[in-house]
Amino acid sequence: MFQIRKRKALGRKYNDRMSTDELTGTESAGAEPEEQEADAAAGLTDDDLLEMYRVMVLSRTLDERIWLLNRQGKAAIVASAQGHEAAQIGAVRATDPARDRYLIYYRELCTILALGVTPTEILLGFLAREGEPMSSARQFPLHGAMDRVDIVSFSNVVATHMPQAVGFALADKIRGNDSVTIVYFGDGAASMGDAHEAMNFAGVHQLPIVFFCENNGYAISVPLRKQMAVESVASRAEGYGFPGVQVDGMDPIAVYEVMIVAMEKARSGGGPTLVEAMVERLYPHTSDDDHTRYRSQEEIESMRDPMETTERMLVERGTLGDARREQIWEAARRQVNEATEVAEAAPLPQPTGKHDIFRNLYASDGEA
């Protein structure tokens, strides 16, 4: 069963700046806790876990639809999030959308769904249709900003959003806000100079920020062993003066437990944490990539699927049965079908009018 004692091994710390007990929010000593006690310590109920699972199912269903639209020639390019869902939902569940800031990267489909972006809004972006809320369909899908859910605009240039995230955290510290900035990135971004500069600055100034690395083992086609000569991304945190934690990204509760500690630490003035969630990239880097050129068939077939690991956990708890599982998947399919119909029926954006090329570039009368 999924118990805290087992999850302690999943949240591996890389220095002594965060205790094992802090990783789980439990006290050490005593007998092995019962499963329900473990979940109570994590702060998650069965209903919470089912809601997290629903978002994961919606993300997987929508991801599959977007991939299909790409193969039909309707969506230009896709960076699939399949394999990242458990890590993303576990992380975002530990945050507070009412006050926290999110600097995402292009593989955060489950994250933005959990924050309230709708499947229709997402598909409007992939199909480049009128009404797309992030960039008026003028940028790469999922790029742009969305103040309704506090998603900050970022560049498709890898890791450039990380120093920007540090700037937001610095501003919040100066202003005395209790907001925490969460910056998401992959293992490839961790090899960029921007990542080192951002984490070094955040450590020096003890900023309220969590660096959340989704390590799927590849920077496009370059495996981790050819990117860095250290044990993991999380092990680098020691050099910046704050905790580094590696966690199993296939277990949403394990990710949540680590993130809760990191968020509270940042919010209370304790400074940054680097969380490395070990995930799988089930599909190629993008729809323009062929991962069979650098991955063996054996490796591809041996990858774990977070949908399966999460379902198994819920079944073992007695929370998810066949009937409820089918209801959740059917509801997701229906929602995605409806969103697809709306997005495909939407017109292409026009160069003039409500969403003209100057919108959001220059202030209009009364907006300055």
Protein backbone atom coordinates (compact mmCIF):
# COMPACT_ATOMS: atom_id res chain seq x y z
CA MET A 1 0.00 0.00 0.00
CA PHE A 2 1.01 3.61 -0.46
CA GLN A 3 2.12 4.67 3.03
CA ILE A 4 4.25 7.52 4.29
CA ARG A 5 7.04 5.22 5.43
CA LYS A 6 7.47 4.12 1.84
CA ARG A 7 7.19 7.64 0.50
CA LYS A 8 10.04 8.82 2.69
CA ALA A 9 12.33 6.87 0.38
CA LEU A 10 10.72 8.57 -2.62
CA GLY A 11 11.52 12.04 -1.29
CA ARG A 12 15.31 11.78 -1.33
CA LYS A 13 17.08 14.82 0.08
CA TYR A 14 20.48 15.87 -1.23
CA ASN A 15 21.71 17.89 1.73
CA ASP A 16 20.97 18.41 5.40
CA ARG A 17 18.99 21.62 4.96
CA MET A 18 15.67 19.77 5.04
CA SER A 19 15.05 16.81 7.34
CA THR A 20 13.33 13.60 6.30
CA ASP A 21 10.47 14.45 8.66
CA GLU A 22 10.09 17.82 6.96
CA LEU A 23 9.72 16.07 3.62
CA THR A 24 6.66 14.21 4.82
CA GLY A 25 5.32 16.40 7.60
CA THR A 26 5.46 13.47 10.04
CA GLU A 27 7.31 12.65 13.22
CA SER A 28 9.87 9.88 13.05
CA ALA A 29 9.57 7.20 15.74
CA GLY A 30 6.73 4.89 16.38
CA ALA A 31 5.05 2.13 14.49
CA GLU A 32 4.38 2.21 10.78
CA PRO A 33 1.25 4.35 10.27
CA GLU A 34 -1.90 3.01 8.77
CA GLU A 35 -2.73 4.06 5.22
CA GLN A 36 -5.53 6.44 6.21
CA GLU A 37 -3.26 8.08 8.81
CA ALA A 38 -0.63 8.58 6.14
CA ASP A 39 -3.08 10.32 3.87
CA ALA A 40 -4.35 12.44 6.73
CA ALA A 41 -0.78 13.54 7.40
CA ALA A 42 -0.46 14.42 3.73
CA GLY A 43 -3.59 16.55 4.04
CA LEU A 44 -5.44 14.72 1.27
CA THR A 45 -8.82 13.01 1.51
CA ASP A 46 -10.23 10.41 -0.83
CA ASP A 47 -12.26 13.14 -2.51
CA ASP A 48 -9.09 15.19 -3.00
CA LEU A 49 -7.34 12.25 -4.63
CA LEU A 50 -10.29 11.55 -6.89
CA GLU A 51 -10.35 15.18 -8.01
CA MET A 52 -6.63 15.04 -8.76
CA TYR A 53 -7.22 11.86 -10.74
CA ARG A 54 -10.06 13.52 -12.70
CA VAL A 55 -7.73 16.33 -13.78
CA MET A 56 -5.10 13.79 -14.79
CA VAL A 57 -7.68 11.91 -16.87
CA LEU A 58 -8.85 15.13 -18.52
CA SER A 59 -5.24 16.05 -19.28
CA ARG A 60 -4.50 12.65 -20.82
CA THR A 61 -7.70 12.69 -22.88
CA LEU A 62 -7.06 16.22 -24.12
CA ASP A 63 -3.41 15.43 -24.85
CA GLU A 64 -4.43 12.45 -26.97
CA ARG A 65 -6.94 14.62 -28.86
CA ILE A 66 -4.35 17.32 -29.55
CA TRP A 67 -1.95 14.68 -30.86
CA LEU A 68 -4.69 13.36 -33.12
CA LEU A 69 -5.43 16.87 -34.42
CA ASN A 70 -1.75 17.24 -35.23
CA ARG A 71 -1.79 14.02 -37.23
CA GLN A 72 -4.81 15.35 -39.10
CA GLY A 73 -2.83 18.46 -40.03
CA LYS A 74 -4.96 20.77 -37.86
CA ALA A 75 -2.55 21.44 -34.97
CA ALA A 76 0.87 22.54 -36.13
CA ILE A 77 3.02 21.18 -33.29
CA VAL A 78 2.47 19.35 -30.00
CA ALA A 79 4.71 18.85 -26.96
CA SER A 80 2.95 16.04 -25.13
CA ALA A 81 2.63 16.00 -21.33
CA GLN A 82 1.85 12.28 -21.21
CA GLY A 83 3.95 10.79 -18.40
CA HIS A 84 4.14 14.07 -16.46
CA GLU A 85 0.56 14.19 -15.16
CA ALA A 86 1.05 12.81 -11.64
CA ALA A 87 3.98 15.13 -10.91
CA GLN A 88 2.14 18.15 -12.24
CA ILE A 89 -1.10 17.57 -10.33
CA GLY A 90 0.76 16.72 -7.12
CA ALA A 91 2.76 19.93 -7.36
CA VAL A 92 -0.05 22.32 -8.22
CA ARG A 93 -2.29 20.84 -5.52
CA ALA A 94 0.21 22.07 -2.93
CA THR A 95 -0.02 25.68 -4.15
CA ASP A 96 -2.58 28.44 -3.59
CA PRO A 97 -3.87 29.84 -6.91
CA ALA A 98 -5.32 32.85 -5.07
CA ARG A 99 -1.87 34.21 -4.25
CA ASP A 100 0.90 32.17 -5.90
CA ARG A 101 2.57 32.76 -9.27
CA TYR A 102 3.19 30.17 -11.98
CA LEU A 103 5.91 30.33 -14.60
CA ILE A 104 5.25 27.28 -16.70
CA TYR A 105 6.94 25.77 -19.70
CA TYR A 106 5.47 24.18 -22.79
CA ARG A 107 4.74 20.73 -21.30
CA GLU A 108 2.45 21.88 -18.44
CA LEU A 109 -0.92 20.75 -19.80
CA CYS A 110 -2.11 19.11 -16.57
CA THR A 111 -0.90 22.09 -14.53
CA ILE A 112 -2.87 24.67 -16.46
CA LEU A 113 -6.00 22.51 -16.47
CA ALA A 114 -5.73 22.25 -12.67
CA LEU A 115 -5.40 26.05 -12.50
CA GLY A 116 -8.64 26.55 -14.40
CA VAL A 117 -7.72 26.93 -18.05
CA THR A 118 -10.44 25.12 -20.02
CA PRO A 119 -10.00 22.49 -22.73
CA THR A 120 -11.73 24.87 -25.17
CA GLU A 121 -9.25 27.66 -24.41
CA ILE A 122 -6.36 25.24 -24.87
CA LEU A 123 -7.66 23.89 -28.17
CA LEU A 124 -8.23 27.42 -29.47
CA GLY A 125 -4.48 27.86 -29.05
CA PHE A 126 -3.45 24.63 -30.74
CA LEU A 127 -5.81 25.32 -33.65
CA ALA A 128 -4.83 29.05 -33.73
CA ARG A 129 -8.42 30.30 -33.57
CA GLU A 130 -10.10 33.55 -32.57
CA GLY A 131 -10.69 33.88 -28.84
CA GLU A 132 -7.52 32.12 -27.67
CA PRO A 133 -6.88 33.84 -24.31
CA MET A 134 -3.12 33.72 -23.87
CA SER A 135 -1.80 35.43 -26.99
CA SER A 136 -4.85 35.85 -29.25
CA ALA A 137 -3.51 32.85 -31.21
CA ARG A 138 -0.36 34.77 -32.16
CA GLN A 139 2.16 32.51 -30.45
CA PHE A 140 3.19 28.88 -30.02
CA PRO A 141 0.42 26.90 -28.25
CA LEU A 142 0.24 27.48 -24.47
CA HIS A 143 2.45 30.56 -24.81
CA GLY A 144 1.46 34.01 -23.63
CA ALA A 145 0.00 35.17 -20.33
CA MET A 146 -3.28 34.57 -18.56
CA ASP A 147 -3.93 36.80 -15.58
CA ARG A 148 -7.12 34.94 -14.63
CA VAL A 149 -4.98 32.07 -13.36
CA ASP A 150 -1.75 34.06 -12.80
CA ILE A 151 0.17 32.32 -15.58
CA VAL A 152 3.06 34.56 -16.58
CA SER A 153 4.13 34.89 -20.22
CA PHE A 154 7.28 33.02 -21.15
CA SER A 155 9.51 32.39 -24.14
CA ASN A 156 10.02 29.15 -26.01
CA VAL A 157 13.75 29.79 -25.60
CA VAL A 158 14.68 27.20 -22.97
CA ALA A 159 15.13 28.43 -19.37
CA THR A 160 14.74 32.15 -20.05
CA HIS A 161 11.70 32.21 -17.77
CA MET A 162 13.74 31.14 -14.75
CA PRO A 163 15.47 34.49 -14.06
CA GLN A 164 12.09 36.14 -14.66
CA ALA A 165 10.58 33.90 -11.98
CA VAL A 166 13.31 34.98 -9.57
CA GLY A 167 12.41 38.60 -10.36
CA PHE A 168 8.79 37.98 -9.38
CA ALA A 169 9.91 36.32 -6.15
CA LEU A 170 12.24 39.22 -5.35
CA ALA A 171 9.44 41.74 -5.94
CA ASP A 172 7.12 39.80 -3.63
CA LYS A 173 9.77 39.70 -0.90
CA ILE A 174 10.39 43.44 -1.19
CA ARG A 175 6.68 44.19 -1.05
CA GLY A 176 6.09 41.86 1.89
CA ASN A 177 3.63 39.63 -0.01
CA ASP A 178 3.06 36.06 1.09
CA SER A 179 3.04 34.79 -2.50
CA VAL A 180 5.31 31.98 -3.65
CA THR A 181 6.58 31.69 -7.22
CA ILE A 182 6.71 28.23 -8.76
CA VAL A 183 8.87 27.86 -11.85
CA TYR A 184 8.54 24.67 -13.89
CA PHE A 185 11.29 23.38 -16.17
CA GLY A 186 12.76 20.21 -17.62
CA ASP A 187 16.13 18.57 -17.11
CA GLY A 188 17.37 20.16 -20.33
CA ALA A 189 16.66 23.64 -18.96
CA ALA A 190 18.66 22.71 -15.86
CA SER A 191 21.76 22.66 -18.05
CA MET A 192 21.31 26.25 -19.21
CA GLY A 193 23.14 29.24 -17.76
CA ASP A 194 19.82 30.93 -16.95
CA ALA A 195 19.00 28.10 -14.53
CA HIS A 196 22.26 28.48 -12.62
CA GLU A 197 21.99 32.25 -12.45
CA ALA A 198 18.38 32.07 -11.27
CA MET A 199 19.04 29.52 -8.54
CA ASN A 200 22.21 31.24 -7.35
CA PHE A 201 20.45 34.60 -7.04
CA ALA A 202 17.46 33.00 -5.30
CA GLY A 203 19.77 31.29 -2.80
CA VAL A 204 21.76 34.43 -2.04
CA HIS A 205 18.62 36.46 -1.37
CA GLN A 206 16.56 33.62 0.19
CA LEU A 207 13.62 34.27 -2.11
CA PRO A 208 10.11 32.75 -1.86
CA ILE A 209 10.41 30.43 -4.86
CA VAL A 210 10.21 26.72 -5.63
CA PHE A 211 12.17 25.38 -8.58
CA PHE A 212 10.19 22.40 -9.92
CA CYS A 213 12.17 20.26 -12.35
CA GLU A 214 10.31 17.57 -14.28
CA ASN A 215 13.15 15.23 -15.18
CA ASN A 216 12.09 12.87 -17.96
CA GLY A 217 15.66 11.90 -18.76
CA TYR A 218 16.02 13.64 -22.11
CA ALA A 219 16.69 17.14 -23.40
CA ILE A 220 15.05 16.43 -26.76
CA SER A 221 17.38 13.56 -27.75
CA VAL A 222 20.23 14.11 -25.27
CA PRO A 223 20.09 11.75 -22.26
CA LEU A 224 20.79 13.03 -18.76
CA ARG A 225 24.16 11.28 -18.53
CA LYS A 226 25.42 13.43 -21.41
CA GLN A 227 24.07 16.65 -19.88
CA MET A 228 25.63 16.56 -16.44
CA ALA A 229 28.17 14.61 -14.43
CA VAL A 230 26.36 14.81 -11.09
CA GLU A 231 23.97 12.36 -9.47
CA SER A 232 20.85 14.38 -10.21
CA VAL A 233 19.51 17.87 -10.82
CA ALA A 234 18.45 18.10 -7.16
CA SER A 235 22.02 17.49 -5.97
CA ARG A 236 23.00 20.89 -7.37
CA ALA A 237 20.92 22.75 -4.79
CA GLU A 238 23.66 22.39 -2.17
CA GLY A 239 25.84 24.68 -4.27
CA TYR A 240 23.19 27.38 -4.16
CA GLY A 241 22.60 27.09 -0.41
CA PHE A 242 19.12 25.59 -0.26
CA PRO A 243 17.46 22.12 -0.16
CA GLY A 244 17.38 19.78 -3.11
CA VAL A 245 14.85 16.93 -3.11
CA GLN A 246 14.30 14.16 -5.63
CA VAL A 247 10.83 12.60 -5.64
CA ASP A 248 9.02 9.89 -7.58
CA GLY A 249 6.94 11.78 -10.14
CA MET A 250 4.72 8.74 -10.68
CA ASP A 251 3.21 9.18 -7.20
CA PRO A 252 1.09 12.35 -6.90
CA ILE A 253 0.92 12.06 -3.10
CA ALA A 254 4.71 11.86 -2.80
CA VAL A 255 5.07 14.97 -4.97
CA TYR A 256 2.39 16.77 -2.97
CA GLU A 257 4.08 15.95 0.34
CA VAL A 258 7.42 17.33 -0.80
CA MET A 259 5.85 20.40 -2.39
CA ILE A 260 3.79 21.25 0.71
CA VAL A 261 6.99 21.47 2.74
CA ALA A 262 8.76 23.50 0.03
CA MET A 263 5.83 25.92 -0.32
CA GLU A 264 5.49 26.51 3.41
CA LYS A 265 9.23 26.97 3.74
CA ALA A 266 9.22 29.62 1.00
CA ARG A 267 6.08 31.33 2.31
CA SER A 268 7.45 31.61 5.84
CA GLY A 269 10.70 33.23 4.74
CA GLY A 270 12.83 30.09 4.65
CA GLY A 271 13.95 30.55 1.06
CA PRO A 272 13.97 28.34 -2.05
CA THR A 273 13.79 24.60 -2.63
CA LEU A 274 14.75 22.64 -5.75
CA VAL A 275 12.33 19.75 -6.29
CA GLU A 276 13.23 17.17 -8.94
CA ALA A 277 10.29 14.98 -9.95
CA MET A 278 11.37 11.85 -11.82
CA VAL A 279 8.89 11.37 -14.66
CA GLU A 280 8.60 9.67 -18.04
CA ARG A 281 8.14 11.29 -21.41
CA LEU A 282 5.90 8.68 -23.00
CA TYR A 283 5.85 10.39 -26.40
CA PRO A 284 8.61 12.01 -28.49
CA HIS A 285 9.87 15.47 -27.52
CA THR A 286 7.35 17.03 -29.91
CA SER A 287 5.23 15.85 -32.79
CA ASP A 288 8.18 16.74 -35.07
CA ASP A 289 10.53 14.37 -33.22
CA ASP A 290 11.22 10.65 -33.74
CA HIS A 291 12.31 9.21 -30.41
CA THR A 292 12.98 5.77 -31.87
CA ARG A 293 16.21 7.23 -33.29
CA TYR A 294 17.69 7.60 -29.80
CA ARG A 295 15.53 5.31 -27.62
CA SER A 296 15.47 1.55 -27.88
CA GLN A 297 12.15 -0.23 -28.23
CA GLU A 298 12.88 -1.99 -24.93
CA GLU A 299 13.27 1.37 -23.17
CA ILE A 300 10.06 2.72 -24.68
CA GLU A 301 8.07 -0.35 -23.67
CA SER A 302 9.46 -0.37 -20.11
CA MET A 303 8.40 3.19 -19.23
CA ARG A 304 5.95 3.57 -16.35
CA ASP A 305 2.65 5.37 -16.90
CA PRO A 306 1.45 7.66 -14.06
CA MET A 307 -2.16 7.02 -15.02
CA GLU A 308 -1.64 3.34 -14.24
CA THR A 309 0.28 3.92 -10.99
CA THR A 310 -2.32 6.41 -9.73
CA GLU A 311 -5.24 4.17 -10.67
CA ARG A 312 -3.60 1.25 -8.92
CA MET A 313 -3.16 3.32 -5.76
CA LEU A 314 -6.81 4.40 -5.82
CA VAL A 315 -8.02 0.85 -6.44
CA GLU A 316 -5.92 -0.48 -3.55
CA ARG A 317 -7.49 2.14 -1.30
CA GLY A 318 -10.96 1.07 -2.38
CA THR A 319 -11.59 4.60 -3.71
CA LEU A 320 -11.81 3.75 -7.40
CA GLY A 321 -13.87 0.95 -8.89
CA ASP A 322 -14.57 0.01 -12.50
CA ALA A 323 -17.86 1.93 -12.68
CA ARG A 324 -16.43 5.16 -11.25
CA ARG A 325 -13.35 4.87 -13.41
CA GLU A 326 -15.46 4.59 -16.56
CA GLN A 327 -17.62 7.53 -15.47
CA ILE A 328 -14.55 9.74 -15.05
CA TRP A 329 -13.05 8.77 -18.41
CA GLU A 330 -16.40 9.16 -20.18
CA ALA A 331 -16.90 12.62 -18.67
CA ALA A 332 -13.44 13.63 -19.89
CA ARG A 333 -14.12 12.33 -23.40
CA ARG A 334 -17.40 14.22 -23.51
CA GLN A 335 -15.76 17.44 -22.32
CA VAL A 336 -12.95 17.14 -24.85
CA ASN A 337 -15.38 16.33 -27.69
CA GLU A 338 -17.43 19.42 -26.89
CA ALA A 339 -14.30 21.58 -26.69
CA THR A 340 -13.09 20.23 -30.03
CA GLU A 341 -16.36 21.13 -31.72
CA VAL A 342 -16.26 24.68 -30.37
CA ALA A 343 -12.60 25.23 -31.26
CA GLU A 344 -12.89 23.84 -34.78
CA ALA A 345 -15.95 26.03 -35.42
CA ALA A 346 -14.18 29.20 -34.23
CA PRO A 347 -12.95 31.57 -36.96
CA LEU A 348 -9.32 32.28 -37.67
CA PRO A 349 -8.05 35.49 -36.06
CA GLN A 350 -8.20 38.59 -38.25
CA PRO A 351 -5.41 41.18 -38.58
CA THR A 352 -7.79 43.96 -37.57
CA GLY A 353 -10.57 44.29 -35.04
CA LYS A 354 -10.77 43.15 -31.44
CA HIS A 355 -7.61 41.02 -31.61
CA ASP A 356 -5.48 43.07 -33.98
CA ILE A 357 -1.70 42.82 -34.09
CA PHE A 358 -1.20 45.80 -31.77
CA ARG A 359 -3.42 44.48 -28.99
CA ASN A 360 -1.52 44.18 -25.68
CA LEU A 361 1.48 45.96 -27.20
CA TYR A 362 0.35 49.55 -26.73
CA ALA A 363 -2.06 51.02 -24.18
CA SER A 364 -5.39 52.21 -25.52
CA ASP A 365 -7.17 55.33 -24.30
CA GLY A 366 -8.03 54.87 -20.65
CA GLU A 367 -5.70 51.87 -20.20
CA ALA A 368 -2.44 53.74 -19.55
